[in-house]
Amino acid sequence: MKKPAILVVDDDAALRELITLRLEANGFKVEAVDSGEAALAQLALARPDAVLTDMQMGGIDGMALFRAIHARDPSLPVIVLTAHGTIPDAVAATQQGLFGYLTKPYDAPTLVDLLKRATRLTGCSPETHDDSWRSDIVTASPAMDTLLAEARLAAQIDAALMIQGESGTGKELLARAIHRASPRHAKPFVAINCGAIPAELLESELFGHVKGAFTGAGRDHPGLFLSAQGGTVFLDEIGDMPAPLQVKRCCACCRKAKCVRSARPKRARSTCAFSRRPTATWRRRSSAASFAKTCITG
């Protein structure tokens, strides 16, 4: 079996050796270097399955190294070892894509578990060679393989996703693949074409209504969000949805969807798709609502 490869970066020789011994004892293949500059040179030669770096080093420090790696390869998990004084920087970095951080003195079993999770997400752990989640997507493109690796990472994040690409590039296929790769895979995947539902009916269809909520509402209607029951709601062509409903409802559904006049909130992940560039208003609102963006190119 292929051992997951870890690049360890630390300017403390004794700590670097100790980490190497512990990781090798737990089934990892380790390449250890003493600086951020050496790490970037090593990354140019071979791609590891995860990077473990110290925060405070001379020259390129841990945060600068993370930013350089993330700019080149967003799907490569990076974990930072940090002292208590730099915890706020590490926490902020997790919002930019840092896989995780541990404070010194670190707990060895926790470190091993974090690295195992990181390599499982990238599909490089010996126990995770099942690619059935992406079986509907057939590709021989390195760029598409990179996108799918990023999608698998995004699948593990409890955040709404936005997929952008031209018509016919397979946005719904990717959304379904992300759903299958996520912890929500056993729950429903509900696809909604926002452009195919009349504007005056869309809010009711999405969020439902109870009997008597408006004229003609003769019975309870749970709505498509509640039908997802903790799974994934795919809002296709969300740019065709009326702007007021985008702002008031669709961004709010990132966290919680609630049936009209119902006190039973049901969480459902939202995956939205655009076939054209979203408006400035949407980008500003969706950024505030913590959308993670995945782009598909045709």
C-alpha atoms as a PDB file:
ATOM      1  CA  MET A   1       0.000   0.000   0.000  1.00  0.00           C
ATOM      2  CA  LYS A   2       1.099   3.532  -0.767  1.00  0.00           C
ATOM      3  CA  LYS A   3       1.976   5.470   2.369  1.00  0.00           C
ATOM      4  CA  PRO A   4       0.599   9.021   2.602  1.00  0.00           C
ATOM      5  CA  ALA A   5       3.468  11.476   2.062  1.00  0.00           C
ATOM      6  CA  ILE A   6       3.863  14.341   4.537  1.00  0.00           C
ATOM      7  CA  LEU A   7       6.178  17.327   4.096  1.00  0.00           C
ATOM      8  CA  VAL A   8       7.332  18.511   7.544  1.00  0.00           C
ATOM      9  CA  VAL A   9       8.739  22.048   7.806  1.00  0.00           C
ATOM     10  CA  ASP A  10      10.432  23.161  11.040  1.00  0.00           C
ATOM     11  CA  ASP A  11      13.674  25.014  11.779  1.00  0.00           C
ATOM     12  CA  ASP A  12      14.076  23.188  15.113  1.00  0.00           C
ATOM     13  CA  ALA A  13      16.152  20.102  14.244  1.00  0.00           C
ATOM     14  CA  ALA A  14      15.236  18.178  17.390  1.00  0.00           C
ATOM     15  CA  LEU A  15      11.483  18.775  16.990  1.00  0.00           C
ATOM     16  CA  ARG A  16      11.687  18.021  13.272  1.00  0.00           C
ATOM     17  CA  GLU A  17      13.311  14.661  14.013  1.00  0.00           C
ATOM     18  CA  LEU A  18      10.774  13.841  16.736  1.00  0.00           C
ATOM     19  CA  ILE A  19       7.813  14.596  14.477  1.00  0.00           C
ATOM     20  CA  THR A  20       9.363  12.527  11.691  1.00  0.00           C
ATOM     21  CA  LEU A  21       9.806   9.522  13.975  1.00  0.00           C
ATOM     22  CA  ARG A  22       6.245   9.732  15.291  1.00  0.00           C
ATOM     23  CA  LEU A  23       4.685  10.075  11.861  1.00  0.00           C
ATOM     24  CA  GLU A  24       6.739   7.255  10.352  1.00  0.00           C
ATOM     25  CA  ALA A  25       5.703   5.047  13.258  1.00  0.00           C
ATOM     26  CA  ASN A  26       2.075   5.741  12.308  1.00  0.00           C
ATOM     27  CA  GLY A  27       2.426   4.727   8.670  1.00  0.00           C
ATOM     28  CA  PHE A  28       3.330   8.034   6.991  1.00  0.00           C
ATOM     29  CA  LYS A  29       6.169   8.682   4.574  1.00  0.00           C
ATOM     30  CA  VAL A  30       7.947  11.849   5.731  1.00  0.00           C
ATOM     31  CA  GLU A  31      10.130  14.385   3.941  1.00  0.00           C
ATOM     32  CA  ALA A  32      11.499  16.939   6.434  1.00  0.00           C
ATOM     33  CA  VAL A  33      13.052  20.328   5.631  1.00  0.00           C
ATOM     34  CA  ASP A  34      14.288  23.182   7.813  1.00  0.00           C
ATOM     35  CA  SER A  35      12.786  26.293   6.166  1.00  0.00           C
ATOM     36  CA  GLY A  36       9.956  27.665   4.095  1.00  0.00           C
ATOM     37  CA  GLU A  37      12.335  28.232   1.199  1.00  0.00           C
ATOM     38  CA  ALA A  38      13.424  24.579   1.281  1.00  0.00           C
ATOM     39  CA  ALA A  39       9.783  23.516   1.454  1.00  0.00           C
ATOM     40  CA  LEU A  40       8.896  25.422  -1.727  1.00  0.00           C
ATOM     41  CA  ALA A  41      11.902  23.890  -3.481  1.00  0.00           C
ATOM     42  CA  GLN A  42      10.789  20.406  -2.387  1.00  0.00           C
ATOM     43  CA  LEU A  43       7.215  21.046  -3.526  1.00  0.00           C
ATOM     44  CA  ALA A  44       8.526  21.867  -6.984  1.00  0.00           C
ATOM     45  CA  LEU A  45      10.046  18.369  -7.127  1.00  0.00           C
ATOM     46  CA  ALA A  46       7.238  16.273  -5.648  1.00  0.00           C
ATOM     47  CA  ARG A  47       3.709  16.885  -4.370  1.00  0.00           C
ATOM     48  CA  PRO A  48       3.080  15.485  -0.867  1.00  0.00           C
ATOM     49  CA  ASP A  49      -0.365  14.501   0.408  1.00  0.00           C
ATOM     50  CA  ALA A  50      -0.233  17.115   3.192  1.00  0.00           C
ATOM     51  CA  VAL A  51       2.120  19.742   4.618  1.00  0.00           C
ATOM     52  CA  LEU A  52       2.860  20.201   8.328  1.00  0.00           C
ATOM     53  CA  THR A  53       4.693  23.435   9.101  1.00  0.00           C
ATOM     54  CA  ASP A  54       5.797  25.439  12.105  1.00  0.00           C
ATOM     55  CA  MET A  55       4.351  28.939  12.325  1.00  0.00           C
ATOM     56  CA  GLN A  56       7.407  30.934  13.415  1.00  0.00           C
ATOM     57  CA  MET A  57      10.520  30.414  11.309  1.00  0.00           C
ATOM     58  CA  GLY A  58      13.233  32.627   9.900  1.00  0.00           C
ATOM     59  CA  GLY A  59      12.730  33.783   6.322  1.00  0.00           C
ATOM     60  CA  ILE A  60       9.428  32.450   4.974  1.00  0.00           C
ATOM     61  CA  ASP A  61       7.292  31.737   8.043  1.00  0.00           C
ATOM     62  CA  GLY A  62       4.425  29.279   8.308  1.00  0.00           C
ATOM     63  CA  MET A  63       1.699  31.700   7.229  1.00  0.00           C
ATOM     64  CA  ALA A  64       3.671  32.950   4.211  1.00  0.00           C
ATOM     65  CA  LEU A  65       4.371  29.339   3.261  1.00  0.00           C
ATOM     66  CA  PHE A  66       0.676  28.463   3.531  1.00  0.00           C
ATOM     67  CA  ARG A  67      -0.295  31.392   1.291  1.00  0.00           C
ATOM     68  CA  ALA A  68       2.323  30.417  -1.300  1.00  0.00           C
ATOM     69  CA  ILE A  69       1.153  26.789  -1.305  1.00  0.00           C
ATOM     70  CA  HIS A  70      -2.532  27.746  -1.414  1.00  0.00           C
ATOM     71  CA  ALA A  71      -1.939  30.044  -4.386  1.00  0.00           C
ATOM     72  CA  ARG A  72      -0.252  27.223  -6.318  1.00  0.00           C
ATOM     73  CA  ASP A  73      -2.288  24.238  -5.156  1.00  0.00           C
ATOM     74  CA  PRO A  74      -5.507  25.061  -3.218  1.00  0.00           C
ATOM     75  CA  SER A  75      -6.363  21.375  -2.760  1.00  0.00           C
ATOM     76  CA  LEU A  76      -3.153  20.552  -0.839  1.00  0.00           C
ATOM     77  CA  PRO A  77      -3.968  20.411   2.916  1.00  0.00           C
ATOM     78  CA  VAL A  78      -1.692  22.529   5.120  1.00  0.00           C
ATOM     79  CA  ILE A  79      -1.541  22.177   8.913  1.00  0.00           C
ATOM     80  CA  VAL A  80       0.264  24.698  11.115  1.00  0.00           C
ATOM     81  CA  LEU A  81       1.898  24.191  14.517  1.00  0.00           C
ATOM     82  CA  THR A  82       1.509  27.458  16.395  1.00  0.00           C
ATOM     83  CA  ALA A  83       2.409  28.995  19.735  1.00  0.00           C
ATOM     84  CA  HIS A  84      -0.381  30.543  21.802  1.00  0.00           C
ATOM     85  CA  GLY A  85       0.557  34.074  20.725  1.00  0.00           C
ATOM     86  CA  THR A  86      -0.155  33.336  17.060  1.00  0.00           C
ATOM     87  CA  ILE A  87      -3.455  31.480  17.475  1.00  0.00           C
ATOM     88  CA  PRO A  88      -5.548  34.396  16.079  1.00  0.00           C
ATOM     89  CA  ASP A  89      -3.485  34.340  12.876  1.00  0.00           C
ATOM     90  CA  ALA A  90      -4.017  30.593  12.517  1.00  0.00           C
ATOM     91  CA  VAL A  91      -7.751  30.885  13.150  1.00  0.00           C
ATOM     92  CA  ALA A  92      -8.005  33.612  10.502  1.00  0.00           C
ATOM     93  CA  ALA A  93      -6.076  31.410   8.077  1.00  0.00           C
ATOM     94  CA  THR A  94      -8.607  28.590   8.424  1.00  0.00           C
ATOM     95  CA  GLN A  95     -11.127  30.948   6.812  1.00  0.00           C
ATOM     96  CA  GLN A  96      -8.732  31.278   3.869  1.00  0.00           C
ATOM     97  CA  GLY A  97      -8.268  27.537   3.363  1.00  0.00           C
ATOM     98  CA  LEU A  98      -5.842  26.367   6.068  1.00  0.00           C
ATOM     99  CA  PHE A  99      -6.803  22.767   6.837  1.00  0.00           C
ATOM    100  CA  GLY A 100      -6.067  23.015  10.556  1.00  0.00           C
ATOM    101  CA  TYR A 101      -3.693  24.080  13.297  1.00  0.00           C
ATOM    102  CA  LEU A 102      -2.389  22.714  16.601  1.00  0.00           C
ATOM    103  CA  THR A 103      -0.934  24.642  19.511  1.00  0.00           C
ATOM    104  CA  LYS A 104       2.411  23.769  21.057  1.00  0.00           C
ATOM    105  CA  PRO A 105       3.090  21.602  22.933  1.00  0.00           C
ATOM    106  CA  TYR A 106       1.016  19.480  20.559  1.00  0.00           C
ATOM    107  CA  ASP A 107      -0.714  16.208  21.398  1.00  0.00           C
ATOM    108  CA  ALA A 108       0.796  13.439  19.229  1.00  0.00           C
ATOM    109  CA  PRO A 109      -2.416  11.376  18.773  1.00  0.00           C
ATOM    110  CA  THR A 110      -4.326  14.529  17.816  1.00  0.00           C
ATOM    111  CA  LEU A 111      -1.666  15.419  15.234  1.00  0.00           C
ATOM    112  CA  VAL A 112      -1.750  11.920  13.745  1.00  0.00           C
ATOM    113  CA  ASP A 113      -5.554  11.983  13.589  1.00  0.00           C
ATOM    114  CA  LEU A 114      -5.545  15.403  11.893  1.00  0.00           C
ATOM    115  CA  LEU A 115      -3.071  14.219   9.257  1.00  0.00           C
ATOM    116  CA  LYS A 116      -5.083  11.055   8.646  1.00  0.00           C
ATOM    117  CA  ARG A 117      -8.188  13.159   8.047  1.00  0.00           C
ATOM    118  CA  ALA A 118      -6.254  15.453   5.713  1.00  0.00           C
ATOM    119  CA  THR A 119      -4.945  12.578   3.603  1.00  0.00           C
ATOM    120  CA  ARG A 120      -8.350  10.876   3.544  1.00  0.00           C
ATOM    121  CA  LEU A 121      -9.911  14.016   2.095  1.00  0.00           C
ATOM    122  CA  THR A 122      -7.392  14.142  -0.725  1.00  0.00           C
ATOM    123  CA  GLY A 123      -8.014  10.464  -1.465  1.00  0.00           C
ATOM    124  CA  CYS A 124      -4.367   9.579  -0.784  1.00  0.00           C
ATOM    125  CA  SER A 125      -4.809   7.542   2.377  1.00  0.00           C
ATOM    126  CA  PRO A 126      -4.478   3.763   1.802  1.00  0.00           C
ATOM    127  CA  GLU A 127      -7.999   3.272   3.131  1.00  0.00           C
ATOM    128  CA  THR A 128      -9.617   5.672   0.671  1.00  0.00           C
ATOM    129  CA  HIS A 129      -9.319   4.592  -2.953  1.00  0.00           C
ATOM    130  CA  ASP A 130     -13.074   4.575  -3.635  1.00  0.00           C
ATOM    131  CA  ASP A 131     -13.758   7.060  -6.425  1.00  0.00           C
ATOM    132  CA  SER A 132     -17.425   6.133  -6.837  1.00  0.00           C
ATOM    133  CA  TRP A 133     -18.449   9.624  -5.685  1.00  0.00           C
ATOM    134  CA  ARG A 134     -17.122  11.024  -8.994  1.00  0.00           C
ATOM    135  CA  SER A 135     -18.134   8.128 -11.225  1.00  0.00           C
ATOM    136  CA  ASP A 136     -20.458  10.296 -13.369  1.00  0.00           C
ATOM    137  CA  ILE A 137     -17.581  12.578 -14.347  1.00  0.00           C
ATOM    138  CA  VAL A 138     -15.270  11.077 -16.978  1.00  0.00           C
ATOM    139  CA  THR A 139     -12.120  13.100 -17.600  1.00  0.00           C
ATOM    140  CA  ALA A 140      -8.483  12.789 -18.638  1.00  0.00           C
ATOM    141  CA  SER A 141      -7.744  16.444 -17.887  1.00  0.00           C
ATOM    142  CA  PRO A 142      -5.181  17.324 -15.164  1.00  0.00           C
ATOM    143  CA  ALA A 143      -7.062  20.598 -14.607  1.00  0.00           C
ATOM    144  CA  MET A 144     -10.301  18.683 -14.005  1.00  0.00           C
ATOM    145  CA  ASP A 145      -8.524  16.266 -11.655  1.00  0.00           C
ATOM    146  CA  THR A 146      -7.327  19.271  -9.653  1.00  0.00           C
ATOM    147  CA  LEU A 147     -10.857  20.689  -9.559  1.00  0.00           C
ATOM    148  CA  LEU A 148     -12.242  17.345  -8.354  1.00  0.00           C
ATOM    149  CA  ALA A 149      -9.623  17.213  -5.599  1.00  0.00           C
ATOM    150  CA  GLU A 150     -10.745  20.688  -4.500  1.00  0.00           C
ATOM    151  CA  ALA A 151     -14.381  19.591  -4.716  1.00  0.00           C
ATOM    152  CA  ARG A 152     -13.709  16.629  -2.428  1.00  0.00           C
ATOM    153  CA  LEU A 153     -12.196  18.985   0.139  1.00  0.00           C
ATOM    154  CA  ALA A 154     -15.144  21.379  -0.220  1.00  0.00           C
ATOM    155  CA  ALA A 155     -17.551  18.485   0.338  1.00  0.00           C
ATOM    156  CA  GLN A 156     -16.335  18.147   3.928  1.00  0.00           C
ATOM    157  CA  ILE A 157     -16.955  21.802   4.787  1.00  0.00           C
ATOM    158  CA  ASP A 158     -20.307  22.756   6.312  1.00  0.00           C
ATOM    159  CA  ALA A 159     -20.754  25.817   4.121  1.00  0.00           C
ATOM    160  CA  ALA A 160     -22.784  26.788   1.093  1.00  0.00           C
ATOM    161  CA  LEU A 161     -21.032  26.392  -2.257  1.00  0.00           C
ATOM    162  CA  MET A 162     -21.239  28.354  -5.496  1.00  0.00           C
ATOM    163  CA  ILE A 163     -20.392  26.661  -8.802  1.00  0.00           C
ATOM    164  CA  GLN A 164     -19.800  28.923 -11.772  1.00  0.00           C
ATOM    165  CA  GLY A 165     -19.475  27.765 -15.370  1.00  0.00           C
ATOM    166  CA  GLU A 166     -21.006  28.062 -18.811  1.00  0.00           C
ATOM    167  CA  SER A 167     -24.130  26.117 -19.766  1.00  0.00           C
ATOM    168  CA  GLY A 168     -23.345  22.496 -20.507  1.00  0.00           C
ATOM    169  CA  THR A 169     -20.120  22.280 -18.490  1.00  0.00           C
ATOM    170  CA  GLY A 170     -21.636  19.908 -15.922  1.00  0.00           C
ATOM    171  CA  LYS A 171     -22.430  22.060 -12.905  1.00  0.00           C
ATOM    172  CA  GLU A 172     -25.143  19.720 -11.652  1.00  0.00           C
ATOM    173  CA  LEU A 173     -22.892  16.676 -12.170  1.00  0.00           C
ATOM    174  CA  LEU A 174     -20.267  18.329  -9.962  1.00  0.00           C
ATOM    175  CA  ALA A 175     -22.895  19.294  -7.374  1.00  0.00           C
ATOM    176  CA  ARG A 176     -24.102  15.677  -7.203  1.00  0.00           C
ATOM    177  CA  ALA A 177     -20.511  14.436  -6.903  1.00  0.00           C
ATOM    178  CA  ILE A 178     -19.847  16.845  -4.017  1.00  0.00           C
ATOM    179  CA  HIS A 179     -23.026  15.623  -2.313  1.00  0.00           C
ATOM    180  CA  ARG A 180     -21.922  11.975  -2.641  1.00  0.00           C
ATOM    181  CA  ALA A 181     -18.481  12.809  -1.213  1.00  0.00           C
ATOM    182  CA  SER A 182     -19.930  14.711   1.759  1.00  0.00           C
ATOM    183  CA  PRO A 183     -21.143  13.538   5.176  1.00  0.00           C
ATOM    184  CA  ARG A 184     -24.653  14.347   3.834  1.00  0.00           C
ATOM    185  CA  HIS A 185     -24.496  11.631   1.144  1.00  0.00           C
ATOM    186  CA  ALA A 186     -27.173   9.444   2.795  1.00  0.00           C
ATOM    187  CA  LYS A 187     -29.647  12.354   2.745  1.00  0.00           C
ATOM    188  CA  PRO A 188     -31.602  13.630  -0.296  1.00  0.00           C
ATOM    189  CA  PHE A 189     -30.147  15.698  -3.123  1.00  0.00           C
ATOM    190  CA  VAL A 190     -32.820  18.110  -4.349  1.00  0.00           C
ATOM    191  CA  ALA A 191     -32.164  19.994  -7.612  1.00  0.00           C
ATOM    192  CA  ILE A 192     -34.167  23.148  -8.389  1.00  0.00           C
ATOM    193  CA  ASN A 193     -34.036  25.070 -11.674  1.00  0.00           C
ATOM    194  CA  CYS A 194     -34.756  28.589 -10.457  1.00  0.00           C
ATOM    195  CA  GLY A 195     -35.330  29.848 -13.982  1.00  0.00           C
ATOM    196  CA  ALA A 196     -38.094  27.322 -14.647  1.00  0.00           C
ATOM    197  CA  ILE A 197     -40.340  28.278 -11.707  1.00  0.00           C
ATOM    198  CA  PRO A 198     -42.492  31.449 -11.960  1.00  0.00           C
ATOM    199  CA  ALA A 199     -41.172  34.179  -9.675  1.00  0.00           C
ATOM    200  CA  GLU A 200     -44.468  34.482  -7.777  1.00  0.00           C
ATOM    201  CA  LEU A 201     -44.372  30.775  -6.848  1.00  0.00           C
ATOM    202  CA  LEU A 202     -40.661  30.342  -6.194  1.00  0.00           C
ATOM    203  CA  GLU A 203     -40.566  31.391  -2.535  1.00  0.00           C
ATOM    204  CA  SER A 204     -43.438  29.082  -1.645  1.00  0.00           C
ATOM    205  CA  GLU A 205     -41.852  26.203  -3.566  1.00  0.00           C
ATOM    206  CA  LEU A 206     -38.514  26.698  -1.823  1.00  0.00           C
ATOM    207  CA  PHE A 207     -39.637  27.331   1.731  1.00  0.00           C
ATOM    208  CA  GLY A 208     -43.147  25.892   1.721  1.00  0.00           C
ATOM    209  CA  HIS A 209     -46.284  27.096   3.451  1.00  0.00           C
ATOM    210  CA  VAL A 210     -48.892  25.898   5.910  1.00  0.00           C
ATOM    211  CA  LYS A 211     -52.598  25.594   5.303  1.00  0.00           C
ATOM    212  CA  GLY A 212     -54.258  29.001   5.179  1.00  0.00           C
ATOM    213  CA  ALA A 213     -50.993  30.953   4.753  1.00  0.00           C
ATOM    214  CA  PHE A 214     -52.475  32.614   1.655  1.00  0.00           C
ATOM    215  CA  THR A 215     -55.501  32.337  -0.594  1.00  0.00           C
ATOM    216  CA  GLY A 216     -55.596  28.900  -2.174  1.00  0.00           C
ATOM    217  CA  ALA A 217     -53.285  27.259   0.370  1.00  0.00           C
ATOM    218  CA  GLY A 218     -55.642  24.419   1.200  1.00  0.00           C
ATOM    219  CA  ARG A 219     -53.007  22.151   2.755  1.00  0.00           C
ATOM    220  CA  ASP A 220     -49.515  22.183   4.216  1.00  0.00           C
ATOM    221  CA  HIS A 221     -46.692  22.186   1.700  1.00  0.00           C
ATOM    222  CA  PRO A 222     -43.242  21.415   3.234  1.00  0.00           C
ATOM    223  CA  GLY A 223     -41.205  23.114   0.511  1.00  0.00           C
ATOM    224  CA  LEU A 224     -38.159  21.827  -1.285  1.00  0.00           C
ATOM    225  CA  PHE A 225     -35.704  22.868   1.432  1.00  0.00           C
ATOM    226  CA  LEU A 226     -37.485  20.820   4.060  1.00  0.00           C
ATOM    227  CA  SER A 227     -37.674  17.929   1.613  1.00  0.00           C
ATOM    228  CA  ALA A 228     -33.883  17.828   1.638  1.00  0.00           C
ATOM    229  CA  GLN A 229     -33.934  16.851   5.348  1.00  0.00           C
ATOM    230  CA  GLY A 230     -30.300  17.715   6.055  1.00  0.00           C
ATOM    231  CA  GLY A 231     -29.043  16.822   2.581  1.00  0.00           C
ATOM    232  CA  THR A 232     -28.180  19.162  -0.291  1.00  0.00           C
ATOM    233  CA  VAL A 233     -30.322  21.683  -2.152  1.00  0.00           C
ATOM    234  CA  PHE A 234     -28.938  22.532  -5.610  1.00  0.00           C
ATOM    235  CA  LEU A 235     -30.192  25.910  -6.861  1.00  0.00           C
ATOM    236  CA  ASP A 236     -29.470  25.856 -10.584  1.00  0.00           C
ATOM    237  CA  GLU A 237     -29.447  29.139 -12.520  1.00  0.00           C
ATOM    238  CA  ILE A 238     -29.857  31.090  -9.312  1.00  0.00           C
ATOM    239  CA  GLY A 239     -28.960  34.241 -11.256  1.00  0.00           C
ATOM    240  CA  ASP A 240     -32.421  34.039 -12.860  1.00  0.00           C
ATOM    241  CA  MET A 241     -34.087  34.323  -9.455  1.00  0.00           C
ATOM    242  CA  PRO A 242     -35.545  37.773  -8.664  1.00  0.00           C
ATOM    243  CA  ALA A 243     -32.937  39.898  -6.888  1.00  0.00           C
ATOM    244  CA  PRO A 244     -35.047  40.564  -3.749  1.00  0.00           C
ATOM    245  CA  LEU A 245     -35.521  36.822  -3.247  1.00  0.00           C
ATOM    246  CA  GLN A 246     -31.799  36.203  -3.790  1.00  0.00           C
ATOM    247  CA  VAL A 247     -30.889  38.655  -1.070  1.00  0.00           C
ATOM    248  CA  LYS A 248     -33.673  37.960   1.432  1.00  0.00           C
ATOM    249  CA  ARG A 249     -33.964  34.193   1.098  1.00  0.00           C
ATOM    250  CA  CYS A 250     -31.277  32.377  -0.830  1.00  0.00           C
ATOM    251  CA  CYS A 251     -28.328  33.810   1.080  1.00  0.00           C
ATOM    252  CA  ALA A 252     -30.147  33.192   4.363  1.00  0.00           C
ATOM    253  CA  CYS A 253     -30.601  29.526   3.480  1.00  0.00           C
ATOM    254  CA  CYS A 254     -26.856  28.977   3.841  1.00  0.00           C
ATOM    255  CA  ARG A 255     -27.446  28.377   7.523  1.00  0.00           C
ATOM    256  CA  LYS A 256     -31.044  27.384   8.051  1.00  0.00           C
ATOM    257  CA  ALA A 257     -34.259  26.979   6.090  1.00  0.00           C
ATOM    258  CA  LYS A 258     -37.571  27.341   7.867  1.00  0.00           C
ATOM    259  CA  CYS A 259     -41.067  26.589   6.609  1.00  0.00           C
ATOM    260  CA  VAL A 260     -43.512  29.498   6.607  1.00  0.00           C
ATOM    261  CA  ARG A 261     -45.129  29.782  10.069  1.00  0.00           C
ATOM    262  CA  SER A 262     -43.297  26.640  11.173  1.00  0.00           C
ATOM    263  CA  ALA A 263     -41.065  26.347  14.240  1.00  0.00           C
ATOM    264  CA  ARG A 264     -39.251  23.294  12.865  1.00  0.00           C
ATOM    265  CA  PRO A 265     -35.937  24.458  11.386  1.00  0.00           C
ATOM    266  CA  LYS A 266     -34.232  21.975   9.055  1.00  0.00           C
ATOM    267  CA  ARG A 267     -30.612  22.387   8.047  1.00  0.00           C
ATOM    268  CA  ALA A 268     -29.789  21.823   4.385  1.00  0.00           C
ATOM    269  CA  ARG A 269     -26.604  22.625   2.552  1.00  0.00           C
ATOM    270  CA  SER A 270     -27.066  24.973  -0.406  1.00  0.00           C
ATOM    271  CA  THR A 271     -25.120  24.534  -3.627  1.00  0.00           C
ATOM    272  CA  CYS A 272     -25.794  27.301  -6.149  1.00  0.00           C
ATOM    273  CA  ALA A 273     -24.899  27.449  -9.834  1.00  0.00           C
ATOM    274  CA  PHE A 274     -24.424  30.317 -12.283  1.00  0.00           C
ATOM    275  CA  SER A 275     -23.994  30.027 -16.050  1.00  0.00           C
ATOM    276  CA  ARG A 276     -22.909  33.669 -16.230  1.00  0.00           C
ATOM    277  CA  ARG A 277     -20.970  36.030 -13.996  1.00  0.00           C
ATOM    278  CA  PRO A 278     -23.015  36.868 -10.866  1.00  0.00           C
ATOM    279  CA  THR A 279     -24.003  40.453 -10.220  1.00  0.00           C
ATOM    280  CA  ALA A 280     -21.978  42.667  -7.897  1.00  0.00           C
ATOM    281  CA  THR A 281     -24.882  42.627  -5.418  1.00  0.00           C
ATOM    282  CA  TRP A 282     -24.936  38.825  -5.375  1.00  0.00           C
ATOM    283  CA  ARG A 283     -21.152  38.565  -4.940  1.00  0.00           C
ATOM    284  CA  ARG A 284     -21.239  41.043  -2.047  1.00  0.00           C
ATOM    285  CA  ARG A 285     -24.181  39.329  -0.318  1.00  0.00           C
ATOM    286  CA  SER A 286     -22.938  35.800  -0.926  1.00  0.00           C
ATOM    287  CA  SER A 287     -19.499  36.677   0.411  1.00  0.00           C
ATOM    288  CA  ALA A 288     -21.142  37.928   3.586  1.00  0.00           C
ATOM    289  CA  ALA A 289     -23.035  34.666   3.810  1.00  0.00           C
ATOM    290  CA  SER A 290     -19.756  32.675   3.716  1.00  0.00           C
ATOM    291  CA  PHE A 291     -20.131  31.001   0.321  1.00  0.00           C
ATOM    292  CA  ALA A 292     -17.222  28.848  -0.764  1.00  0.00           C
ATOM    293  CA  LYS A 293     -16.650  29.285  -4.509  1.00  0.00           C
ATOM    294  CA  THR A 294     -15.785  26.467  -6.891  1.00  0.00           C
ATOM    295  CA  CYS A 295     -15.388  27.404 -10.555  1.00  0.00           C
ATOM    296  CA  ILE A 296     -15.876  25.124 -13.558  1.00  0.00           C
ATOM    297  CA  THR A 297     -14.330  26.093 -16.867  1.00  0.00           C
ATOM    298  CA  GLY A 298     -15.781  24.805 -20.085  1.00  0.00           C
END
